C-alpha atoms as a PDB file:
ATOM      1  CA  UNK A   1       0.872  15.754 -21.717  1.00  0.00           C
ATOM      2  CA  UNK A   2      -1.339  17.411 -19.127  1.00  0.00           C
ATOM      3  CA  UNK A   3       0.150  18.986 -16.035  1.00  0.00           C
ATOM      4  CA  UNK A   4      -0.009  17.002 -12.798  1.00  0.00           C
ATOM      5  CA  UNK A   5      -2.856  18.090 -10.526  1.00  0.00           C
ATOM      6  CA  UNK A   6      -1.457  19.666  -7.337  1.00  0.00           C
ATOM      7  CA  UNK A   7      -4.574  19.573  -5.198  1.00  0.00           C
ATOM      8  CA  UNK A   8      -4.021  18.530  -1.539  1.00  0.00           C
ATOM      9  CA  UNK A   9      -6.109  15.383  -2.183  1.00  0.00           C
ATOM     10  CA  UNK A  10      -4.107  12.655  -0.451  1.00  0.00           C
ATOM     11  CA  UNK A  11      -6.046   9.398  -0.822  1.00  0.00           C
ATOM     12  CA  UNK A  12      -5.069   6.431  -2.952  1.00  0.00           C
ATOM     13  CA  UNK A  13      -1.475   7.282  -3.790  1.00  0.00           C
ATOM     14  CA  UNK A  14      -0.099   3.735  -3.490  1.00  0.00           C
ATOM     15  CA  UNK A  15      -2.692   1.119  -4.333  1.00  0.00           C
ATOM     16  CA  UNK A  16      -2.597  -2.627  -3.739  1.00  0.00           C
ATOM     17  CA  UNK A  17      -5.526  -4.297  -5.510  1.00  0.00           C
ATOM     18  CA  UNK A  18      -7.538  -7.231  -4.182  1.00  0.00           C
ATOM     19  CA  UNK A  19     -10.521  -9.222  -5.342  1.00  0.00           C
ATOM     20  CA  UNK A  20     -13.542  -9.841  -3.129  1.00  0.00           C
ATOM     21  CA  UNK A  21     -16.864 -11.549  -3.899  1.00  0.00           C
ATOM     22  CA  UNK A  22     -18.798  -8.934  -5.869  1.00  0.00           C
ATOM     23  CA  UNK A  23     -22.329  -8.017  -4.794  1.00  0.00           C
ATOM     24  CA  UNK A  24     -22.002  -9.845  -1.470  1.00  0.00           C
ATOM     25  CA  UNK A  25     -24.914  -8.620   0.682  1.00  0.00           C
ATOM     26  CA  UNK A  26     -22.766  -9.047   3.798  1.00  0.00           C
ATOM     27  CA  UNK A  27     -20.576  -6.148   2.629  1.00  0.00           C
ATOM     28  CA  UNK A  28     -23.088  -3.443   3.430  1.00  0.00           C
ATOM     29  CA  UNK A  29     -22.262  -0.252   5.287  1.00  0.00           C
ATOM     30  CA  UNK A  30     -23.990  -1.262   8.536  1.00  0.00           C
ATOM     31  CA  UNK A  31     -22.222  -4.621   8.608  1.00  0.00           C
ATOM     32  CA  UNK A  32     -18.798  -3.133   7.942  1.00  0.00           C
ATOM     33  CA  UNK A  33     -19.371  -0.357  10.498  1.00  0.00           C
ATOM     34  CA  UNK A  34     -20.321  -2.875  13.206  1.00  0.00           C
ATOM     35  CA  UNK A  35     -17.324  -5.035  12.327  1.00  0.00           C
ATOM     36  CA  UNK A  36     -14.763  -2.215  12.454  1.00  0.00           C
ATOM     37  CA  UNK A  37     -16.244  -0.961  15.730  1.00  0.00           C
ATOM     38  CA  UNK A  38     -14.807  -4.107  17.351  1.00  0.00           C
ATOM     39  CA  UNK A  39     -11.297  -2.805  16.757  1.00  0.00           C
ATOM     40  CA  UNK A  40     -11.091   1.002  17.166  1.00  0.00           C
ATOM     41  CA  UNK A  41      -7.624   2.508  17.223  1.00  0.00           C
ATOM     42  CA  UNK A  42      -6.003   2.858  20.624  1.00  0.00           C
ATOM     43  CA  UNK A  43      -2.508   4.337  21.133  1.00  0.00           C
ATOM     44  CA  UNK A  44       0.240   1.985  22.233  1.00  0.00           C
ATOM     45  CA  UNK A  45       0.463   1.218  25.932  1.00  0.00           C
ATOM     46  CA  UNK A  46       3.719   1.895  27.836  1.00  0.00           C
ATOM     47  CA  UNK A  47       5.330  -1.436  26.868  1.00  0.00           C
ATOM     48  CA  UNK A  48       3.367  -2.043  23.666  1.00  0.00           C
ATOM     49  CA  UNK A  49       5.392  -1.948  20.444  1.00  0.00           C
ATOM     50  CA  UNK A  50       2.533  -1.759  17.956  1.00  0.00           C
ATOM     51  CA  UNK A  51      -1.160  -0.877  17.765  1.00  0.00           C
ATOM     52  CA  UNK A  52      -3.545  -0.985  14.788  1.00  0.00           C
ATOM     53  CA  UNK A  53      -7.204  -0.012  14.573  1.00  0.00           C
ATOM     54  CA  UNK A  54      -9.818   2.145  12.846  1.00  0.00           C
ATOM     55  CA  UNK A  55     -10.538   5.865  13.038  1.00  0.00           C
ATOM     56  CA  UNK A  56     -13.288   8.037  11.462  1.00  0.00           C
ATOM     57  CA  UNK A  57     -12.272   8.805   7.844  1.00  0.00           C
ATOM     58  CA  UNK A  58     -13.398  12.427   8.097  1.00  0.00           C
ATOM     59  CA  UNK A  59     -11.302  12.995  11.204  1.00  0.00           C
ATOM     60  CA  UNK A  60     -14.335  13.834  13.321  1.00  0.00           C
ATOM     61  CA  UNK A  61     -14.243  12.743  16.937  1.00  0.00           C
ATOM     62  CA  UNK A  62     -16.757   9.929  17.517  1.00  0.00           C
ATOM     63  CA  UNK A  63     -17.626  10.038  13.803  1.00  0.00           C
ATOM     64  CA  UNK A  64     -18.626   7.057  11.680  1.00  0.00           C
ATOM     65  CA  UNK A  65     -15.893   4.520  10.953  1.00  0.00           C
ATOM     66  CA  UNK A  66     -17.221   3.908   7.433  1.00  0.00           C
ATOM     67  CA  UNK A  67     -18.249   6.487   4.856  1.00  0.00           C
ATOM     68  CA  UNK A  68     -20.343   5.665   1.787  1.00  0.00           C
ATOM     69  CA  UNK A  69     -20.007   7.774  -1.370  1.00  0.00           C
ATOM     70  CA  UNK A  70     -21.597   6.730  -4.673  1.00  0.00           C
ATOM     71  CA  UNK A  71     -21.910   3.155  -3.473  1.00  0.00           C
ATOM     72  CA  UNK A  72     -18.250   2.995  -2.468  1.00  0.00           C
ATOM     73  CA  UNK A  73     -17.149   2.407   1.137  1.00  0.00           C
ATOM     74  CA  UNK A  74     -14.141   4.126   2.609  1.00  0.00           C
ATOM     75  CA  UNK A  75     -12.454   3.589   5.953  1.00  0.00           C
ATOM     76  CA  UNK A  76      -9.193   4.579   7.534  1.00  0.00           C
ATOM     77  CA  UNK A  77      -6.764   2.569   9.612  1.00  0.00           C
ATOM     78  CA  UNK A  78      -4.234   4.011  12.024  1.00  0.00           C
ATOM     79  CA  UNK A  79      -1.010   2.198  12.883  1.00  0.00           C
ATOM     80  CA  UNK A  80       1.227   3.277  15.736  1.00  0.00           C
ATOM     81  CA  UNK A  81       4.642   1.739  16.339  1.00  0.00           C
ATOM     82  CA  UNK A  82       7.315   2.275  18.960  1.00  0.00           C
ATOM     83  CA  UNK A  83      10.875   1.069  18.608  1.00  0.00           C
ATOM     84  CA  UNK A  84      13.990   1.327  20.750  1.00  0.00           C
ATOM     85  CA  UNK A  85      17.188   1.882  18.714  1.00  0.00           C
ATOM     86  CA  UNK A  86      19.327  -1.246  18.552  1.00  0.00           C
ATOM     87  CA  UNK A  87      22.392   0.808  19.451  1.00  0.00           C
ATOM     88  CA  UNK A  88      20.750   1.955  22.708  1.00  0.00           C
ATOM     89  CA  UNK A  89      19.863  -1.627  23.638  1.00  0.00           C
ATOM     90  CA  UNK A  90      23.431  -2.741  22.823  1.00  0.00           C
ATOM     91  CA  UNK A  91      24.932  -0.098  25.125  1.00  0.00           C
ATOM     92  CA  UNK A  92      22.642  -1.023  28.009  1.00  0.00           C
ATOM     93  CA  UNK A  93      23.324  -4.704  27.439  1.00  0.00           C
ATOM     94  CA  UNK A  94      27.046  -4.126  27.539  1.00  0.00           C
ATOM     95  CA  UNK A  95      26.661  -2.319  30.861  1.00  0.00           C
ATOM     96  CA  UNK A  96      24.532  -5.146  32.286  1.00  0.00           C
ATOM     97  CA  UNK A  97      27.022  -7.805  31.153  1.00  0.00           C
ATOM     98  CA  UNK A  98      29.918  -5.863  32.679  1.00  0.00           C
ATOM     99  CA  UNK A  99      28.035  -5.507  35.986  1.00  0.00           C
ATOM    100  CA  UNK A 100      27.167  -9.207  36.001  1.00  0.00           C
ATOM    101  CA  UNK A 101      30.793 -10.092  35.287  1.00  0.00           C
ATOM    102  CA  UNK A 102      31.994  -7.972  38.187  1.00  0.00           C
ATOM    103  CA  UNK A 103      29.394  -9.367  40.586  1.00  0.00           C
ATOM    104  CA  UNK A 104      29.562 -13.056  39.670  1.00  0.00           C
ATOM    105  CA  UNK A 105      32.778 -13.464  37.679  1.00  0.00           C
ATOM    106  CA  UNK A 106      30.932 -15.037  34.737  1.00  0.00           C
ATOM    107  CA  UNK A 107      29.502 -14.009  31.379  1.00  0.00           C
ATOM    108  CA  UNK A 108      25.836 -14.707  30.614  1.00  0.00           C
ATOM    109  CA  UNK A 109      24.967 -17.478  28.128  1.00  0.00           C
ATOM    110  CA  UNK A 110      22.921 -17.031  24.955  1.00  0.00           C
ATOM    111  CA  UNK A 111      19.575 -17.593  26.644  1.00  0.00           C
ATOM    112  CA  UNK A 112      20.354 -15.170  29.438  1.00  0.00           C
ATOM    113  CA  UNK A 113      21.616 -12.577  26.955  1.00  0.00           C
ATOM    114  CA  UNK A 114      18.346 -12.793  25.061  1.00  0.00           C
ATOM    115  CA  UNK A 115      16.363 -12.406  28.284  1.00  0.00           C
ATOM    116  CA  UNK A 116      18.463  -9.382  29.237  1.00  0.00           C
ATOM    117  CA  UNK A 117      17.899  -7.801  25.804  1.00  0.00           C
ATOM    118  CA  UNK A 118      14.143  -8.301  26.059  1.00  0.00           C
ATOM    119  CA  UNK A 119      14.113  -6.862  29.563  1.00  0.00           C
ATOM    120  CA  UNK A 120      16.100  -3.804  28.445  1.00  0.00           C
ATOM    121  CA  UNK A 121      13.855  -3.214  25.428  1.00  0.00           C
ATOM    122  CA  UNK A 122      10.703  -3.392  27.555  1.00  0.00           C
ATOM    123  CA  UNK A 123      12.181  -1.015  30.132  1.00  0.00           C
ATOM    124  CA  UNK A 124      13.014   1.538  27.424  1.00  0.00           C
ATOM    125  CA  UNK A 125       9.771   1.258  25.405  1.00  0.00           C
ATOM    126  CA  UNK A 126       7.804   3.737  27.583  1.00  0.00           C
ATOM    127  CA  UNK A 127      10.339   6.413  26.547  1.00  0.00           C
ATOM    128  CA  UNK A 128      10.345   5.564  22.826  1.00  0.00           C
ATOM    129  CA  UNK A 129       8.808   8.147  20.486  1.00  0.00           C
ATOM    130  CA  UNK A 130       5.744   6.645  18.750  1.00  0.00           C
ATOM    131  CA  UNK A 131       5.388   6.759  14.971  1.00  0.00           C
ATOM    132  CA  UNK A 132       1.836   7.184  13.677  1.00  0.00           C
ATOM    133  CA  UNK A 133       0.798   6.273  10.128  1.00  0.00           C
ATOM    134  CA  UNK A 134      -2.678   6.320   8.594  1.00  0.00           C
ATOM    135  CA  UNK A 135      -3.835   4.074   5.770  1.00  0.00           C
ATOM    136  CA  UNK A 136      -6.892   4.484   3.534  1.00  0.00           C
ATOM    137  CA  UNK A 137      -8.984   1.454   2.613  1.00  0.00           C
ATOM    138  CA  UNK A 138     -11.586   1.518  -0.151  1.00  0.00           C
ATOM    139  CA  UNK A 139     -14.147  -1.227  -0.669  1.00  0.00           C
ATOM    140  CA  UNK A 140     -16.102  -1.426  -3.936  1.00  0.00           C
ATOM    141  CA  UNK A 141     -18.756  -4.063  -3.114  1.00  0.00           C
ATOM    142  CA  UNK A 142     -20.530  -4.174  -6.470  1.00  0.00           C
ATOM    143  CA  UNK A 143     -17.372  -4.211  -8.597  1.00  0.00           C
ATOM    144  CA  UNK A 144     -15.768  -6.721  -6.228  1.00  0.00           C
ATOM    145  CA  UNK A 145     -12.565  -4.836  -5.435  1.00  0.00           C
ATOM    146  CA  UNK A 146     -10.699  -3.936  -2.265  1.00  0.00           C
ATOM    147  CA  UNK A 147      -8.027  -1.239  -2.482  1.00  0.00           C
ATOM    148  CA  UNK A 148      -5.448  -0.597   0.225  1.00  0.00           C
ATOM    149  CA  UNK A 149      -3.437   2.602   0.036  1.00  0.00           C
ATOM    150  CA  UNK A 150       0.011   1.712   1.348  1.00  0.00           C
ATOM    151  CA  UNK A 151       3.524   1.222   0.001  1.00  0.00           C
ATOM    152  CA  UNK A 152       4.499  -1.067   2.892  1.00  0.00           C
ATOM    153  CA  UNK A 153       3.719  -4.726   2.217  1.00  0.00           C
ATOM    154  CA  UNK A 154       3.745  -5.774   5.874  1.00  0.00           C
ATOM    155  CA  UNK A 155       1.167  -3.084   6.654  1.00  0.00           C
ATOM    156  CA  UNK A 156      -1.004  -4.263   3.756  1.00  0.00           C
ATOM    157  CA  UNK A 157      -0.794  -7.852   4.992  1.00  0.00           C
ATOM    158  CA  UNK A 158      -1.737  -6.819   8.528  1.00  0.00           C
ATOM    159  CA  UNK A 159      -4.749  -4.819   7.331  1.00  0.00           C
ATOM    160  CA  UNK A 160      -6.036  -7.650   5.136  1.00  0.00           C
ATOM    161  CA  UNK A 161      -5.653 -10.079   8.039  1.00  0.00           C
ATOM    162  CA  UNK A 162      -7.490  -7.704  10.381  1.00  0.00           C
ATOM    163  CA  UNK A 163     -10.342  -7.146   7.913  1.00  0.00           C
ATOM    164  CA  UNK A 164     -10.808 -10.879   7.311  1.00  0.00           C
ATOM    165  CA  UNK A 165     -10.899 -11.438  11.059  1.00  0.00           C
ATOM    166  CA  UNK A 166     -13.435  -8.649  11.671  1.00  0.00           C
ATOM    167  CA  UNK A 167     -15.828  -8.821   8.719  1.00  0.00           C
ATOM    168  CA  UNK A 168     -17.982 -11.987   8.646  1.00  0.00           C
ATOM    169  CA  UNK A 169     -17.630 -13.951   5.425  1.00  0.00           C
ATOM    170  CA  UNK A 170     -15.082 -11.610   3.804  1.00  0.00           C
ATOM    171  CA  UNK A 171     -12.748 -13.461   1.436  1.00  0.00           C
ATOM    172  CA  UNK A 172      -9.822 -11.639  -0.169  1.00  0.00           C
ATOM    173  CA  UNK A 173      -7.387 -12.568  -2.928  1.00  0.00           C
ATOM    174  CA  UNK A 174      -4.772 -10.341  -4.543  1.00  0.00           C
ATOM    175  CA  UNK A 175      -5.704  -9.365  -8.090  1.00  0.00           C
ATOM    176  CA  UNK A 176      -3.854 -11.452 -10.689  1.00  0.00           C
ATOM    177  CA  UNK A 177      -3.692 -11.193 -14.472  1.00  0.00           C
ATOM    178  CA  UNK A 178      -2.917 -13.667 -17.255  1.00  0.00           C
ATOM    179  CA  UNK A 179       0.121 -11.678 -18.298  1.00  0.00           C
ATOM    180  CA  UNK A 180       2.678 -10.808 -15.631  1.00  0.00           C
ATOM    181  CA  UNK A 181       3.200  -7.032 -15.363  1.00  0.00           C
ATOM    182  CA  UNK A 182       6.950  -7.445 -15.891  1.00  0.00           C
ATOM    183  CA  UNK A 183       6.437  -9.377 -19.130  1.00  0.00           C
ATOM    184  CA  UNK A 184       3.876  -6.875 -20.402  1.00  0.00           C
ATOM    185  CA  UNK A 185       5.899  -3.758 -19.619  1.00  0.00           C
ATOM    186  CA  UNK A 186       8.989  -5.393 -21.123  1.00  0.00           C
ATOM    187  CA  UNK A 187       7.086  -5.702 -24.389  1.00  0.00           C
ATOM    188  CA  UNK A 188       5.815  -2.113 -24.143  1.00  0.00           C
ATOM    189  CA  UNK A 189       9.365  -0.820 -23.721  1.00  0.00           C
ATOM    190  CA  UNK A 190      10.767  -3.051 -26.464  1.00  0.00           C
ATOM    191  CA  UNK A 191       8.162  -2.083 -29.061  1.00  0.00           C
ATOM    192  CA  UNK A 192       7.426   1.419 -27.738  1.00  0.00           C
ATOM    193  CA  UNK A 193       3.785   0.507 -28.351  1.00  0.00           C
ATOM    194  CA  UNK A 194       1.849   0.383 -25.070  1.00  0.00           C
ATOM    195  CA  UNK A 195      -1.829  -0.574 -25.259  1.00  0.00           C
ATOM    196  CA  UNK A 196      -4.465   1.948 -26.226  1.00  0.00           C
ATOM    197  CA  UNK A 197      -5.174   4.577 -23.519  1.00  0.00           C
ATOM    198  CA  UNK A 198      -1.694   4.174 -21.995  1.00  0.00           C
ATOM    199  CA  UNK A 199       1.509   6.126 -22.562  1.00  0.00           C
ATOM    200  CA  UNK A 200       4.975   5.360 -21.214  1.00  0.00           C
ATOM    201  CA  UNK A 201       6.462   8.148 -19.085  1.00  0.00           C
ATOM    202  CA  UNK A 202      10.011   8.879 -17.900  1.00  0.00           C
ATOM    203  CA  UNK A 203      10.693   6.561 -14.964  1.00  0.00           C
ATOM    204  CA  UNK A 204      11.701   2.911 -15.000  1.00  0.00           C
ATOM    205  CA  UNK A 205      13.552   0.239 -13.036  1.00  0.00           C
ATOM    206  CA  UNK A 206      14.841  -2.956 -14.649  1.00  0.00           C
ATOM    207  CA  UNK A 207      16.216  -5.896 -12.676  1.00  0.00           C
ATOM    208  CA  UNK A 208      17.564  -9.355 -13.377  1.00  0.00           C
ATOM    209  CA  UNK A 209      15.245 -12.089 -12.045  1.00  0.00           C
ATOM    210  CA  UNK A 210      18.165 -14.130 -10.642  1.00  0.00           C
ATOM    211  CA  UNK A 211      19.679 -13.952  -7.163  1.00  0.00           C
ATOM    212  CA  UNK A 212      22.088 -11.169  -8.134  1.00  0.00           C
ATOM    213  CA  UNK A 213      19.170  -8.692  -8.446  1.00  0.00           C
ATOM    214  CA  UNK A 214      21.325  -6.516 -10.698  1.00  0.00           C
ATOM    215  CA  UNK A 215      19.295  -3.362 -11.339  1.00  0.00           C
ATOM    216  CA  UNK A 216      19.345  -0.158 -13.340  1.00  0.00           C
ATOM    217  CA  UNK A 217      17.066   2.830 -12.746  1.00  0.00           C
ATOM    218  CA  UNK A 218      16.016   5.742 -14.915  1.00  0.00           C
ATOM    219  CA  UNK A 219      14.366   8.884 -13.563  1.00  0.00           C
ATOM    220  CA  UNK A 220      13.165  11.858 -15.627  1.00  0.00           C
ATOM    221  CA  UNK A 221      14.751  10.133 -18.616  1.00  0.00           C
ATOM    222  CA  UNK A 222      13.515   9.216 -22.089  1.00  0.00           C
ATOM    223  CA  UNK A 223      12.918   5.460 -22.241  1.00  0.00           C
ATOM    224  CA  UNK A 224      12.961   5.007 -26.026  1.00  0.00           C
ATOM    225  CA  UNK A 225      16.723   4.457 -26.129  1.00  0.00           C
ATOM    226  CA  UNK A 226      18.895   1.570 -27.310  1.00  0.00           C
ATOM    227  CA  UNK A 227      20.432   1.218 -23.858  1.00  0.00           C
ATOM    228  CA  UNK A 228      17.116   0.034 -22.414  1.00  0.00           C
ATOM    229  CA  UNK A 229      16.636  -2.385 -25.308  1.00  0.00           C
ATOM    230  CA  UNK A 230      20.048  -3.810 -24.444  1.00  0.00           C
ATOM    231  CA  UNK A 231      19.116  -4.311 -20.794  1.00  0.00           C
ATOM    232  CA  UNK A 232      15.935  -6.154 -21.796  1.00  0.00           C
ATOM    233  CA  UNK A 233      17.805  -8.335 -24.297  1.00  0.00           C
ATOM    234  CA  UNK A 234      20.315  -9.133 -21.529  1.00  0.00           C
ATOM    235  CA  UNK A 235      17.480 -10.503 -19.385  1.00  0.00           C
ATOM    236  CA  UNK A 236      16.504  -7.588 -17.181  1.00  0.00           C
ATOM    237  CA  UNK A 237      12.771  -7.227 -16.506  1.00  0.00           C
ATOM    238  CA  UNK A 238      10.926  -3.999 -15.655  1.00  0.00           C
ATOM    239  CA  UNK A 239       9.975  -3.977 -11.981  1.00  0.00           C
ATOM    240  CA  UNK A 240       8.653  -0.393 -12.081  1.00  0.00           C
ATOM    241  CA  UNK A 241       7.401   1.601 -15.053  1.00  0.00           C
ATOM    242  CA  UNK A 242       5.799   5.048 -14.997  1.00  0.00           C
ATOM    243  CA  UNK A 243       2.747   5.269 -17.247  1.00  0.00           C
ATOM    244  CA  UNK A 244      -0.239   7.540 -17.803  1.00  0.00           C
ATOM    245  CA  UNK A 245      -3.773   6.385 -18.475  1.00  0.00           C
ATOM    246  CA  UNK A 246      -6.062   8.323 -20.789  1.00  0.00           C
ATOM    247  CA  UNK A 247      -4.207  11.595 -20.052  1.00  0.00           C
ATOM    248  CA  UNK A 248      -5.978  11.587 -16.684  1.00  0.00           C
ATOM    249  CA  UNK A 249      -4.087   9.474 -14.138  1.00  0.00           C
ATOM    250  CA  UNK A 250      -0.349   8.872 -13.893  1.00  0.00           C
ATOM    251  CA  UNK A 251       1.205   6.094 -11.793  1.00  0.00           C
ATOM    252  CA  UNK A 252       4.107   3.688 -11.517  1.00  0.00           C
ATOM    253  CA  UNK A 253       3.151   0.084 -12.272  1.00  0.00           C
ATOM    254  CA  UNK A 254       5.199  -2.502 -10.368  1.00  0.00           C
ATOM    255  CA  UNK A 255       5.902  -6.128 -11.205  1.00  0.00           C
ATOM    256  CA  UNK A 256       3.621  -7.027  -8.262  1.00  0.00           C
ATOM    257  CA  UNK A 257       0.654  -5.323  -9.964  1.00  0.00           C
ATOM    258  CA  UNK A 258       0.692  -2.423  -7.550  1.00  0.00           C
ATOM    259  CA  UNK A 259       0.049   1.208  -8.459  1.00  0.00           C
ATOM    260  CA  UNK A 260       2.572   3.580  -6.878  1.00  0.00           C
ATOM    261  CA  UNK A 261       2.802   7.386  -6.996  1.00  0.00           C
ATOM    262  CA  UNK A 262      -0.773   7.703  -8.254  1.00  0.00           C
ATOM    263  CA  UNK A 263      -1.498  11.265  -9.332  1.00  0.00           C
ATOM    264  CA  UNK A 264      -4.440  12.876 -11.057  1.00  0.00           C
ATOM    265  CA  UNK A 265      -3.846  15.197 -13.994  1.00  0.00           C
ATOM    266  CA  UNK A 266      -5.028  18.769 -14.255  1.00  0.00           C
ATOM    267  CA  UNK A 267      -8.446  18.173 -15.819  1.00  0.00           C
ATOM    268  CA  UNK A 268      -9.646  15.475 -13.429  1.00  0.00           C
ATOM    269  CA  UNK A 269     -10.878  17.692 -10.599  1.00  0.00           C
ATOM    270  CA  UNK A 270     -12.371  20.335 -12.860  1.00  0.00           C
ATOM    271  CA  UNK A 271     -15.740  18.611 -12.482  1.00  0.00           C
ATOM    272  CA  UNK A 272     -16.009  19.088  -8.725  1.00  0.00           C
ATOM    273  CA  UNK A 273     -19.579  19.281  -7.491  1.00  0.00           C
ATOM    274  CA  UNK A 274     -19.808  22.591  -5.635  1.00  0.00           C
ATOM    275  CA  UNK A 275     -22.899  21.371  -3.783  1.00  0.00           C
ATOM    276  CA  UNK A 276     -20.990  18.531  -2.116  1.00  0.00           C
ATOM    277  CA  UNK A 277     -18.281  18.766   0.517  1.00  0.00           C
ATOM    278  CA  UNK A 278     -14.647  18.500  -0.530  1.00  0.00           C
ATOM    279  CA  UNK A 279     -14.293  15.023   1.014  1.00  0.00           C
ATOM    280  CA  UNK A 280     -17.283  13.552  -0.828  1.00  0.00           C
ATOM    281  CA  UNK A 281     -16.577  15.306  -4.112  1.00  0.00           C
ATOM    282  CA  UNK A 282     -12.870  14.417  -4.257  1.00  0.00           C
ATOM    283  CA  UNK A 283     -13.487  10.851  -3.134  1.00  0.00           C
ATOM    284  CA  UNK A 284     -16.184  10.367  -5.778  1.00  0.00           C
ATOM    285  CA  UNK A 285     -13.957  11.781  -8.529  1.00  0.00           C
ATOM    286  CA  UNK A 286     -10.851   9.801  -7.546  1.00  0.00           C
ATOM    287  CA  UNK A 287     -12.665   6.479  -7.162  1.00  0.00           C
ATOM    288  CA  UNK A 288     -14.483   7.093 -10.425  1.00  0.00           C
ATOM    289  CA  UNK A 289     -11.148   7.486 -12.229  1.00  0.00           C
ATOM    290  CA  UNK A 290      -9.609   4.390 -10.640  1.00  0.00           C
ATOM    291  CA  UNK A 291     -12.735   2.334 -11.358  1.00  0.00           C
ATOM    292  CA  UNK A 292     -12.332   3.087 -15.055  1.00  0.00           C
ATOM    293  CA  UNK A 293      -8.538   2.739 -15.052  1.00  0.00           C
ATOM    294  CA  UNK A 294      -8.331  -0.716 -13.459  1.00  0.00           C
ATOM    295  CA  UNK A 295     -10.405  -2.616 -16.073  1.00  0.00           C
ATOM    296  CA  UNK A 296      -8.306  -1.030 -18.847  1.00  0.00           C
ATOM    297  CA  UNK A 297      -5.119  -2.031 -17.039  1.00  0.00           C
ATOM    298  CA  UNK A 298      -6.349  -5.589 -16.475  1.00  0.00           C
ATOM    299  CA  UNK A 299      -7.213  -5.865 -20.177  1.00  0.00           C
ATOM    300  CA  UNK A 300      -3.750  -4.550 -21.098  1.00  0.00           C
ATOM    301  CA  UNK A 301      -2.285  -7.341 -18.953  1.00  0.00           C
ATOM    302  CA  UNK A 302      -4.136 -10.093 -20.800  1.00  0.00           C
ATOM    303  CA  UNK A 303      -7.274 -10.161 -18.670  1.00  0.00           C
ATOM    304  CA  UNK A 304      -7.886 -11.330 -15.116  1.00  0.00           C
ATOM    305  CA  UNK A 305      -7.026 -14.801 -13.949  1.00  0.00           C
ATOM    306  CA  UNK A 306     -10.142 -16.727 -12.977  1.00  0.00           C
ATOM    307  CA  UNK A 307     -10.887 -16.339  -9.279  1.00  0.00           C
ATOM    308  CA  UNK A 308     -13.080 -18.466  -7.040  1.00  0.00           C
ATOM    309  CA  UNK A 309     -14.182 -15.239  -5.340  1.00  0.00           C
ATOM    310  CA  UNK A 310     -16.107 -13.974  -8.371  1.00  0.00           C
END
């Protein structure tokens, strides 16, 4: 197998795939740019716990919020959160309750305790250290796909909600296939015969679908062993399986049809266009690989479920 490409390219490492209406004329660069401009990123205020908005993808101050490369649109969200440790709130609350007890001879009720907790949290928020996370978003208008690069489901949900609110007429549905990823990868592991263009790598998680969620994980381990066959026969289903496509892109496929730990193999970036900037060249190469990978993956999963968006 080819060696993993170690270039500093950092986009599209954890992809959640969505369907949009392909070829929709409303999804043009100027329309998207005007829509995102309604919600630029602003840092959290003193008592604000969370802020989400858009920043220039190239990192240039006052730069464009949407970049177009080879007909693909890329934008970048920034999410800032502030949180006060629960232990700090608990200590302050205990002090407040003790003071109230000494002053009035009574303990606060549930409603008053909640109000005190909220008051303490708000008073401590201005001193909380903010956490800043960026998230790449890629829109492929002609192919009808939206890709969000995040491993946090709540962040993905928030970004989809924000985009639908901002962009007129945008409809989004998570990509779904006729064959569930867990069922497909279970067969690939059982038969050791993945579909053409795919190879099984050395990472896997299997879990029972019942409430016990009994799980077993393998890392850097051969997966063509009887032990794994036994887990599958006992009812465990793959929830994560590392695979490589066409000796070009490696990733972990989840049972939610998400692509985690996406990495490009050593030959992929050999074709860099020296006349283009690094941003444009790398973006064009990476999106070109994913655009060819996804249809093969969908076919391997029994084809795409019919969608009203198409």
